Amino acid sequence: PIFRLADSVPGSVIESWQEELTGKPHEERRAFLRARVDRYLDQGHGSCLLADDHYARVVADAIHFHDQRNYFILAWCVMPNHVHVLLEVIGSNTLHGTVHSWKSFTAHQINRRRGVQGTVWMADYFDRLIRDEEHMAATIAYIHGNPVRAGLAALPHEWPWSSAYH
């Protein structure tokens, strides 16, 4: 899944993109919006709380807490305003429950550290079903390459909040 900070992409921005797509087929709209959101996120909009190493560590630790018990993490990357995780859930665990757990725990930790209350994460998240080994390899390369595309690192293994680094 990809989940993002609540202030990373304002609703008005998404609404304007949706207006551009009026009359287009559903799949075309979905692909266009996803690409636009990805580019917008990589431009570093919003508070970018996760650029702070403390908050990035809170998120990284949370996503690893149940690794090997509830899910297997295959790749991950904490960006300044969003998070990518490629995982395989185990047994009766669900992706929805897993993401909800991460977001709930980290929101409480971040808000406590900041001394505030309020929404940290967008309610939704993006997910994709991995079709085959080629798609998995491309997804891992995309996740690891995200800091490079965003101009945060020259090479994937230089970004400390990523499985490429570890």
Foldseek 3Di string as FASTA:
>chain_A
DKWWWPQQADPVNLVVLVVVCPPPDPVVSVVVSVVVSLVSNLLPDDPLCCVPVVLLVLLLCLLCVCDPPQKPWPKKFDGSTMIDTDIGGDDPDDPVVSVVSSLVRSQVVVCVVVVHDDGTIDPDGDDDDQDDPVSVVVVRCCRLCSCCVSVNDVGSLVRPSIPSVD
